Protein backbone atom coordinates (compact mmCIF):
# COMPACT_ATOMS: atom_id res chain seq x y z
CA MET A 1 4.20 -4.56 -25.49
CA GLU A 2 1.02 -3.61 -27.31
CA THR A 3 1.36 -0.60 -29.63
CA LEU A 4 -1.72 1.63 -29.62
CA GLN A 5 -2.66 3.91 -32.47
CA HIS A 6 -4.71 6.25 -30.33
CA ILE A 7 -4.87 6.91 -26.62
CA ASN A 8 -7.38 9.34 -25.14
CA VAL A 9 -6.34 11.05 -21.89
CA GLU A 10 -8.81 13.05 -19.85
CA ILE A 11 -9.18 14.55 -16.40
CA PHE A 12 -12.30 14.69 -14.26
CA SER A 13 -13.29 15.25 -10.64
CA THR A 14 -16.83 13.85 -10.71
CA GLY A 15 -18.38 10.69 -12.06
CA PHE A 16 -15.73 8.38 -10.60
CA GLU A 17 -18.46 6.51 -8.68
CA ASP A 18 -20.17 5.56 -11.94
CA LYS A 19 -20.68 1.78 -12.02
CA ALA A 20 -19.33 1.34 -15.55
CA PHE A 21 -16.17 3.30 -14.71
CA ILE A 22 -15.61 1.31 -11.52
CA GLU A 23 -15.82 -1.94 -13.51
CA ARG A 24 -13.11 -0.70 -15.90
CA TRP A 25 -11.07 0.51 -12.90
CA ILE A 26 -11.24 -2.95 -11.29
CA GLU A 27 -10.14 -4.56 -14.56
CA LEU A 28 -7.16 -2.19 -14.77
CA GLU A 29 -6.18 -2.96 -11.18
CA GLU A 30 -6.23 -6.69 -11.96
CA ASN A 31 -3.97 -6.19 -14.99
CA SER A 32 -1.74 -3.47 -13.60
CA LEU A 33 2.03 -3.63 -14.05
CA GLU A 34 2.39 -2.92 -10.33
CA TYR A 35 -0.13 -4.06 -7.74
CA ASN A 36 -1.50 -1.52 -5.28
CA MET A 37 -4.47 -2.00 -2.96
CA PHE A 38 -4.32 1.71 -2.13
CA LEU A 39 -5.32 2.53 -5.71
CA SER A 40 -8.16 0.02 -5.72
CA PRO A 41 -11.68 1.48 -5.94
CA TYR A 42 -12.45 -0.57 -2.81
CA PHE A 43 -9.92 1.58 -0.94
CA VAL A 44 -10.04 4.94 -2.75
CA LEU A 45 -13.80 5.49 -2.80
CA PRO A 46 -14.39 4.94 0.96
CA SER A 47 -11.24 6.94 1.66
CA LEU A 48 -12.49 9.91 -0.37
CA LYS A 49 -15.93 9.74 1.23
CA TYR A 50 -14.99 9.36 4.88
CA LEU A 51 -11.36 10.49 5.24
CA SER A 52 -11.00 13.21 2.60
CA PRO A 53 -14.48 14.67 2.08
CA ASN A 54 -13.21 18.20 1.44
CA ILE A 55 -10.68 17.54 -1.31
CA THR A 56 -11.34 17.67 -5.04
CA PRO A 57 -9.58 14.66 -6.57
CA HIS A 58 -8.17 14.83 -10.09
CA PHE A 59 -8.76 11.52 -11.86
CA ILE A 60 -6.49 11.32 -14.90
CA THR A 61 -7.28 8.38 -17.15
CA ALA A 62 -5.83 7.01 -20.38
CA THR A 63 -8.12 4.97 -22.60
CA SER A 64 -7.09 2.92 -25.63
CA SER A 65 -8.79 2.94 -29.02
CA GLU A 66 -10.58 -0.25 -27.89
CA ASN A 67 -12.00 1.77 -24.95
CA ARG A 68 -9.87 -0.10 -22.41
CA LEU A 69 -8.75 1.85 -19.35
CA ILE A 70 -4.96 1.51 -19.53
CA ALA A 71 -3.74 4.11 -17.02
CA LEU A 72 -5.04 5.88 -13.93
CA ALA A 73 -3.48 8.52 -11.71
CA ILE A 74 -5.35 10.24 -8.88
CA LEU A 75 -3.99 13.60 -7.73
CA GLN A 76 -4.90 16.15 -5.10
CA GLU A 77 -3.83 19.76 -4.73
CA SER A 78 -1.50 20.82 -1.94
CA THR A 79 -0.67 24.40 -0.97
CA HIS A 80 1.74 23.73 1.89
CA ASP A 81 4.36 21.06 2.31
CA ARG A 82 7.77 20.91 3.97
CA SER A 83 9.23 19.34 0.83
CA TYR A 84 7.83 22.13 -1.43
CA PRO A 85 6.21 25.15 0.26
CA PHE A 86 4.31 26.35 -2.83
CA ARG A 87 1.25 25.12 -4.71
CA HIS A 88 1.72 21.67 -6.22
CA PHE A 89 -0.11 18.42 -6.77
CA GLU A 90 0.53 15.05 -5.21
CA GLY A 91 -0.67 11.49 -5.50
CA TYR A 92 -3.89 11.00 -3.59
CA SER A 93 -3.40 9.65 -0.10
CA SER A 94 -5.17 9.45 3.23
CA GLU A 95 -3.92 8.62 6.71
CA HIS A 96 -4.19 4.93 5.83
CA THR A 97 -2.34 5.06 2.49
CA PHE A 98 0.99 3.22 2.66
CA LEU A 99 1.84 3.12 -1.06
CA GLN A 100 1.31 5.64 -3.86
CA GLY A 101 1.79 5.48 -7.61
CA MET A 102 -0.29 4.93 -10.74
CA LEU A 103 -2.17 1.99 -12.19
CA ILE A 104 -0.67 1.12 -15.58
CA ASP A 105 -1.90 -1.70 -17.81
CA LYS A 106 0.95 -4.20 -18.17
CA THR A 107 0.18 -5.04 -21.83
CA SER A 108 0.62 -1.45 -22.99
CA ALA A 109 2.76 0.04 -20.23
CA ARG A 110 5.17 2.21 -22.24
CA ASP A 111 2.43 3.73 -24.39
CA ALA A 112 0.14 4.27 -21.41
CA ILE A 113 2.81 5.96 -19.28
CA TYR A 114 3.98 8.14 -22.19
CA ALA A 115 0.42 9.33 -22.89
CA LEU A 116 -0.17 10.06 -19.22
CA ILE A 117 3.09 11.95 -18.69
CA ASP A 118 2.63 13.91 -21.93
CA PHE A 119 -0.80 14.98 -20.66
CA LEU A 120 0.62 15.97 -17.26
CA LYS A 121 3.30 18.06 -18.99
CA HIS A 122 0.70 20.16 -20.79
CA GLU A 123 -1.95 20.22 -18.08
CA TYR A 124 0.34 20.90 -15.09
CA SER A 125 3.31 22.53 -16.94
CA ASN A 126 5.08 24.50 -14.16
CA THR A 127 3.39 22.76 -11.22
CA PRO A 128 5.40 19.92 -9.62
CA ILE A 129 3.65 16.62 -8.91
CA LYS A 130 4.76 14.74 -5.81
CA PHE A 131 4.57 11.01 -5.18
CA ASN A 132 5.42 9.46 -1.81
CA ASN A 133 6.51 5.87 -1.41
CA ILE A 134 6.29 4.54 -4.95
CA PRO A 135 8.16 1.38 -5.98
CA GLY A 136 11.56 2.39 -7.31
CA ASP A 137 12.91 -1.02 -8.28
CA GLY A 138 10.59 -2.17 -11.06
CA ASP A 139 9.76 -1.71 -14.74
CA GLN A 140 7.11 0.94 -14.09
CA PHE A 141 9.55 3.44 -12.62
CA ASN A 142 12.06 2.67 -15.37
CA TYR A 143 9.40 3.42 -18.00
CA LEU A 144 8.50 6.60 -16.12
CA LYS A 145 12.10 7.85 -16.23
CA GLU A 146 12.35 6.89 -19.89
CA CYS A 147 9.24 8.94 -20.74
CA LEU A 148 10.41 11.91 -18.67
CA ASP A 149 13.69 11.94 -20.58
CA LYS A 150 11.83 11.98 -23.90
CA LEU A 151 9.45 14.71 -22.74
CA GLU A 152 12.15 16.91 -21.13
CA GLY A 153 10.81 16.30 -17.66
CA SER A 154 12.63 15.40 -14.46
CA TRP A 155 12.27 13.14 -11.44
CA ILE A 156 13.60 14.98 -8.38
CA GLN A 157 13.98 12.42 -5.61
CA TYR A 158 14.18 13.38 -1.95
CA ASP A 159 13.78 10.12 -0.05
CA GLU A 160 14.36 6.39 -0.28
CA GLN A 161 13.11 3.72 2.11
CA HIS A 162 13.15 -0.06 2.24
CA ARG A 163 10.01 -1.96 3.16
CA ALA A 164 9.75 -5.51 4.42
CA ILE A 165 7.97 -7.93 2.11
CA LEU A 166 7.80 -11.70 1.83
CA SER A 167 8.38 -13.15 -1.62
CA LEU A 168 5.94 -15.95 -2.47
CA LYS A 169 7.02 -16.82 -6.01
CA GLU A 170 8.06 -20.28 -4.86
CA ARG A 171 7.73 -22.46 -1.79
CA ARG A 172 10.46 -21.78 0.75
CA TYR A 173 10.57 -24.79 3.05
CA ASN A 174 13.94 -23.77 4.55
CA TYR A 175 13.00 -20.09 5.06
CA PHE A 176 13.18 -20.13 8.86
CA ILE A 177 16.39 -22.15 8.96
CA GLU A 178 18.03 -19.82 6.43
CA ASN A 179 16.83 -16.56 8.00
CA PHE A 180 16.58 -17.22 11.74
CA ASN A 181 19.15 -18.52 14.15
CA SER A 182 18.14 -21.25 16.60
CA LYS A 183 17.65 -18.68 19.39
CA HIS A 184 14.95 -16.81 17.46
CA ARG A 185 13.21 -19.98 16.29
CA ASN A 186 13.16 -21.32 19.84
CA ASP A 187 11.82 -18.00 21.14
CA PHE A 188 8.69 -18.29 18.95
CA ARG A 189 8.18 -21.89 20.06
CA ARG A 190 8.70 -20.94 23.73
CA ARG A 191 6.10 -18.16 23.61
CA LYS A 192 3.56 -20.44 21.96
CA ARG A 193 4.32 -23.20 24.49
CA ARG A 194 3.82 -20.80 27.42
CA LEU A 195 0.50 -19.70 25.92
CA LYS A 196 -0.60 -23.34 25.68
CA GLU A 197 0.05 -23.70 29.41
CA ILE A 198 -2.95 -21.45 30.13
CA GLY A 199 -5.34 -22.83 27.54
CA SER A 200 -6.09 -24.25 24.11
CA VAL A 201 -4.23 -22.38 21.36
CA GLU A 202 -5.36 -22.37 17.72
CA TRP A 203 -4.29 -20.39 14.66
CA ARG A 204 -6.67 -19.85 11.75
CA ILE A 205 -6.61 -18.28 8.31
CA PHE A 206 -9.77 -17.25 6.44
CA ASP A 207 -10.66 -16.07 2.97
CA ASP A 208 -14.36 -16.98 3.03
CA PRO A 209 -16.53 -13.81 3.21
CA ILE A 210 -18.61 -15.05 6.17
CA ASP A 211 -15.58 -16.02 8.25
CA CYS A 212 -13.76 -12.83 7.25
CA GLN A 213 -16.70 -10.67 8.32
CA ARG A 214 -16.60 -12.23 11.79
CA CYS A 215 -12.83 -11.76 11.84
CA VAL A 216 -13.27 -8.06 10.94
CA ASP A 217 -15.42 -7.62 14.05
CA ASP A 218 -12.82 -9.38 16.22
CA PHE A 219 -10.02 -7.35 14.67
CA LEU A 220 -11.73 -4.00 15.32
CA LYS A 221 -12.26 -4.88 18.99
CA LEU A 222 -8.63 -6.02 19.42
CA GLU A 223 -7.20 -2.98 17.64
CA HIS A 224 -9.26 -0.73 19.92
CA THR A 225 -7.21 -1.61 23.01
CA GLY A 226 -4.03 -0.49 24.72
CA TRP A 227 -2.05 2.51 23.51
CA LYS A 228 -4.05 2.96 20.29
CA LYS A 229 -7.23 3.44 22.27
CA LYS A 230 -5.50 5.83 24.71
CA LEU A 231 -4.05 7.92 21.87
CA GLY A 232 -7.29 7.85 19.89
CA THR A 233 -5.61 6.28 16.84
CA SER A 234 -7.57 3.03 16.64
CA LEU A 235 -10.14 2.63 13.89
CA LEU A 236 -12.99 2.60 16.40
CA SER A 237 -11.77 5.83 18.03
CA THR A 238 -13.44 8.02 15.40
CA GLU A 239 -16.65 7.57 13.45
CA HIS A 240 -15.08 8.45 10.10
CA ASN A 241 -12.29 5.87 10.49
CA GLN A 242 -14.75 3.20 11.55
CA LYS A 243 -17.04 3.89 8.59
CA PHE A 244 -14.08 3.97 6.21
CA PHE A 245 -12.74 0.61 7.37
CA ILE A 246 -16.11 -1.17 7.34
CA LYS A 247 -16.90 0.12 3.83
CA MET A 248 -13.40 -0.71 2.55
CA ALA A 249 -13.43 -4.22 4.02
CA SER A 250 -16.91 -4.94 2.64
CA GLY A 251 -15.75 -3.88 -0.83
CA PHE A 252 -12.76 -6.22 -0.85
CA LEU A 253 -14.92 -8.95 0.72
CA SER A 254 -17.48 -8.62 -2.07
CA SER A 255 -14.80 -9.69 -4.56
CA ASN A 256 -13.18 -12.33 -2.31
CA LYS A 257 -10.08 -10.19 -1.93
CA MET A 258 -9.60 -10.35 1.81
CA ILE A 259 -7.50 -12.70 3.94
CA CYS A 260 -7.77 -12.73 7.73
CA THR A 261 -5.76 -14.54 10.36
CA GLU A 262 -6.52 -15.09 14.03
CA LEU A 263 -4.73 -16.53 17.03
CA LEU A 264 -7.26 -17.96 19.47
CA LEU A 265 -6.94 -18.85 23.14
CA ASN A 266 -9.75 -21.07 24.41
CA GLY A 267 -11.76 -20.11 21.33
CA LYS A 268 -11.34 -16.35 21.86
CA ALA A 269 -9.31 -14.23 19.42
CA ILE A 270 -6.28 -12.61 21.08
CA SER A 271 -4.63 -11.48 17.82
CA ALA A 272 -5.97 -10.76 14.34
CA THR A 273 -4.65 -9.42 11.04
CA SER A 274 -6.51 -7.99 8.04
CA ASN A 275 -4.95 -8.38 4.60
CA TYR A 276 -6.18 -7.48 1.13
CA ILE A 277 -5.49 -8.69 -2.39
CA SER A 278 -4.65 -6.47 -5.35
CA GLY A 279 -3.73 -8.12 -8.63
CA ASN A 280 -1.40 -10.96 -7.73
CA ALA A 281 -0.15 -9.62 -4.39
CA ILE A 282 -1.31 -9.52 -0.77
CA PHE A 283 -1.13 -6.32 1.27
CA ALA A 284 -0.97 -6.54 5.05
CA PHE A 285 -3.09 -3.63 6.26
CA LYS A 286 -3.45 -3.63 10.04
CA LEU A 287 -3.25 -5.92 13.05
CA GLY A 288 -4.59 -5.97 16.57
CA TRP A 289 -3.97 -7.98 19.72
CA ASP A 290 -5.22 -8.33 23.26
CA VAL A 291 -2.89 -6.32 25.50
CA ALA A 292 -3.76 -8.59 28.42
CA TYR A 293 -1.51 -11.22 26.79
CA LYS A 294 1.29 -8.86 25.84
CA LYS A 295 4.03 -10.93 27.52
CA TYR A 296 3.22 -13.85 25.20
CA ALA A 297 3.58 -11.63 22.08
CA PRO A 298 0.38 -13.00 20.46
CA CYS A 299 0.81 -10.81 17.40
CA ALA A 300 4.32 -12.17 16.80
CA ILE A 301 2.98 -15.73 17.06
CA ASP A 302 0.15 -14.82 14.66
CA LEU A 303 2.62 -13.42 12.10
CA TYR A 304 4.96 -16.37 12.56
CA GLU A 305 2.15 -18.84 11.81
CA PHE A 306 0.98 -16.72 8.87
CA THR A 307 4.50 -16.76 7.47
CA LYS A 308 4.74 -20.54 7.86
CA TYR A 309 1.47 -20.93 5.96
CA LEU A 310 2.55 -18.61 3.13
CA ILE A 311 5.98 -20.16 2.53
CA ASN A 312 4.79 -23.78 2.73
CA ASN A 313 1.77 -23.49 0.43
CA ASP A 314 1.41 -22.69 -3.24
CA THR A 315 -0.73 -19.57 -2.76
CA GLY A 316 -0.33 -18.29 -6.33
CA TYR A 317 0.64 -14.82 -5.11
CA GLU A 318 3.93 -13.11 -5.89
CA TYR A 319 4.53 -11.43 -2.53
CA ILE A 320 2.95 -9.92 0.56
CA ASP A 321 3.72 -6.27 1.30
CA SER A 322 3.98 -5.43 5.02
CA GLY A 323 2.88 -1.80 4.59
CA SER A 324 5.34 -0.96 7.37
CA GLU A 325 7.93 1.75 7.79
CA GLU A 326 11.63 1.00 7.63
CA GLY A 327 12.87 -0.37 10.96
CA SER A 328 9.54 -1.98 11.85
CA TYR A 329 9.32 -5.17 13.91
CA ILE A 330 8.06 -7.09 10.87
CA GLU A 331 11.57 -6.91 9.39
CA LYS A 332 12.56 -9.52 11.98
CA ILE A 333 10.12 -11.98 10.38
CA TRP A 334 9.89 -10.94 6.72
CA LYS A 335 13.44 -10.64 5.47
CA ASP A 336 12.81 -9.65 1.84
CA GLN A 337 12.62 -5.98 0.87
CA ARG A 338 11.38 -3.61 -1.78
CA THR A 339 12.70 -0.11 -2.44
CA LEU A 340 10.26 2.79 -2.11
CA ILE A 341 11.16 6.28 -3.28
CA SER A 342 9.59 9.72 -2.91
CA GLY A 343 10.04 12.66 -5.22
CA PHE A 344 8.58 15.12 -7.72
CA ILE A 345 7.77 14.99 -11.41
CA THR A 346 8.62 18.41 -12.81
CA PHE A 347 8.50 20.18 -16.15
CA GLY A 348 10.23 23.49 -16.68
CA PRO A 349 13.47 24.84 -15.15
CA MET A 350 12.17 26.84 -12.17
CA PRO A 351 10.48 24.06 -10.16
CA SER A 352 13.39 21.70 -10.86
CA MET A 353 16.00 24.23 -9.77
CA PHE A 354 14.07 25.09 -6.62
CA LEU A 355 13.58 21.43 -5.66
CA GLN A 356 17.22 20.63 -6.30
CA GLY A 357 18.15 23.53 -4.03
CA ILE A 358 15.85 22.20 -1.30
CA ASN A 359 17.42 18.75 -1.65
CA LYS A 360 20.92 20.16 -1.34
CA THR A 361 19.98 22.18 1.74
CA ARG A 362 18.32 19.12 3.30
CA TYR A 363 21.47 17.07 2.65
CA LEU A 364 23.73 19.72 4.25
CA LEU A 365 21.48 20.02 7.30
CA ARG A 366 21.47 16.26 7.81
CA ARG A 367 25.23 16.09 7.42
CA PHE A 368 26.29 18.93 9.66
CA ILE A 369 23.48 19.35 12.20
CA PRO A 370 22.92 16.39 14.55
CA SER A 371 19.31 15.22 14.79
């Protein structure tokens, strides 16, 4: 680990769209100890503009003596929350954020986290800071706990989930044999065979900006069908969601950080996925399929083919994160997992005691009152 003689930590709520700052932000994301597309400027800036126009974000940055950006946390104020009904801060998120946390430079992680947490202790003293769904099984969280112990802070955890991922650190030629029984393997083949009975079936994967742009258009149309359209939850259902997605996708596309897949029937897309790259990982964002072909499970076939491609090719990525909730269908295909935790960073006895009391009450309610 690099030892820094001086780290400058500052907080600001304007100027985060400055070109020079964004360049340093992108460099930090590339070299972050933990990868997170939801802390990429390509995601955060469109999200702030179109999904959270009324909040005042707190950008907290740590800069080394060489003027390198080595840590970034983005917070927002909250005045009401079931987990803590008083004023507090939390990691920035929007309705499309599936992972929170901080960007920490991997070459100076301990120093960067210590400087950041020390700043939070003095700037936010008796105000808890909440983070939802942060990785709880890696070095970054271990360094965080280490720094909190040194600075007399606490991590008060209230939830733990497991998310499906697919490890890509090595080729896994026997993945389907090892993780699926013959019934499940045959089911995928049967569905694809039945689909071929009604036309020509083709699966494609794209990372070229031109092909991905066309795939984005197909994806938006497919996602805007069925129950999502009826409930008004598709991206095309609201102008702000549509603008957010188009701006976000174009940002990742501009840096060749988008991967799309499509399942085509007679040349027409009946399933599509949109995936984005952060650091050395892929993040599955959203998928869409033509409900007219529901009985063939086109999305399952799409994911099955995507999985085959990923495990049989040397992609250079470490893993793909499903972005799904625990118990999601994707767990039937991607058998690896990561642990995500939610909790509060606190300084001072009163917030810690109150949060511990809430946790104990929550535990007793879950134990003795049926859901």
